[in-house]
Structure formats: structure tokens, C-alpha cells
């Protein structure tokens, strides 16, 4: 299933670059932009 711009995202938890757990629902009521970056410095 591919999300569409403006549609609600499912709740999820990820680890930040500082090893902190971040849950999407902790930002409820505030605008959020979610981006995903490819893992840098990988061989191949």
C-alpha cells in the first residue's frame, strides 16, 4: 500500500540518528514531514 500526500500515516516508531526512539504519534496535533534517506556510505 502506497500512502498518498495528505493522507494520515500509520503510527510507527523508529530510531533516530542519535539512537533515540521516536514515535510518530508523539507529534500528534503538529505538522510533521517524514523523509527517508538511503543509508550513507554503503558499499556496492
Protein backbone atom coordinates (compact mmCIF):
# COMPACT_ATOMS: atom_id res chain seq x y z
CA UNK A 1 0.00 0.00 0.00
CA UNK A 2 1.45 3.35 -1.02
CA UNK A 3 0.45 6.42 1.03
CA UNK A 4 -0.86 9.45 -0.80
CA UNK A 5 0.19 13.02 0.02
CA UNK A 6 -2.02 14.43 2.77
CA UNK A 7 -3.32 11.05 3.93
CA UNK A 8 -2.88 10.02 7.58
CA UNK A 9 0.20 7.90 8.23
CA UNK A 10 0.07 4.79 10.40
CA UNK A 11 1.76 5.12 13.78
CA UNK A 12 5.33 3.82 13.87
CA UNK A 13 8.49 4.06 15.95
CA UNK A 14 11.98 4.46 14.50
CA UNK A 15 15.45 5.02 15.93
CA UNK A 16 16.90 8.47 15.23
CA UNK A 17 20.48 9.21 14.21
CA UNK A 18 21.19 9.80 17.93
CA UNK A 19 19.81 6.33 18.86
CA UNK A 20 16.68 7.89 20.37
CA UNK A 21 13.31 6.15 19.83
CA UNK A 22 10.89 8.48 18.01
CA UNK A 23 7.18 7.64 17.67
CA UNK A 24 5.04 9.42 15.09
CA UNK A 25 2.08 9.72 17.49
CA UNK A 26 4.21 11.84 19.86
CA UNK A 27 3.82 14.67 17.31
CA UNK A 28 0.02 14.49 17.22
CA UNK A 29 -1.55 17.89 16.54
CA UNK A 30 1.60 19.33 14.98
CA UNK A 31 2.64 19.36 11.32
CA UNK A 32 5.21 16.66 10.52
CA UNK A 33 7.26 15.91 7.43
CA UNK A 34 8.54 12.33 7.20
CA UNK A 35 11.51 11.65 4.94
CA UNK A 36 13.57 8.53 4.40
CA UNK A 37 17.20 8.72 3.34
CA UNK A 38 19.21 5.85 1.90
CA UNK A 39 21.90 4.57 4.22
CA UNK A 40 25.01 6.63 3.52
CA UNK A 41 28.46 5.22 2.97
CA UNK A 42 27.32 1.74 2.00
CA UNK A 43 29.43 -0.25 -0.38
CA UNK A 44 28.12 -1.61 -3.59
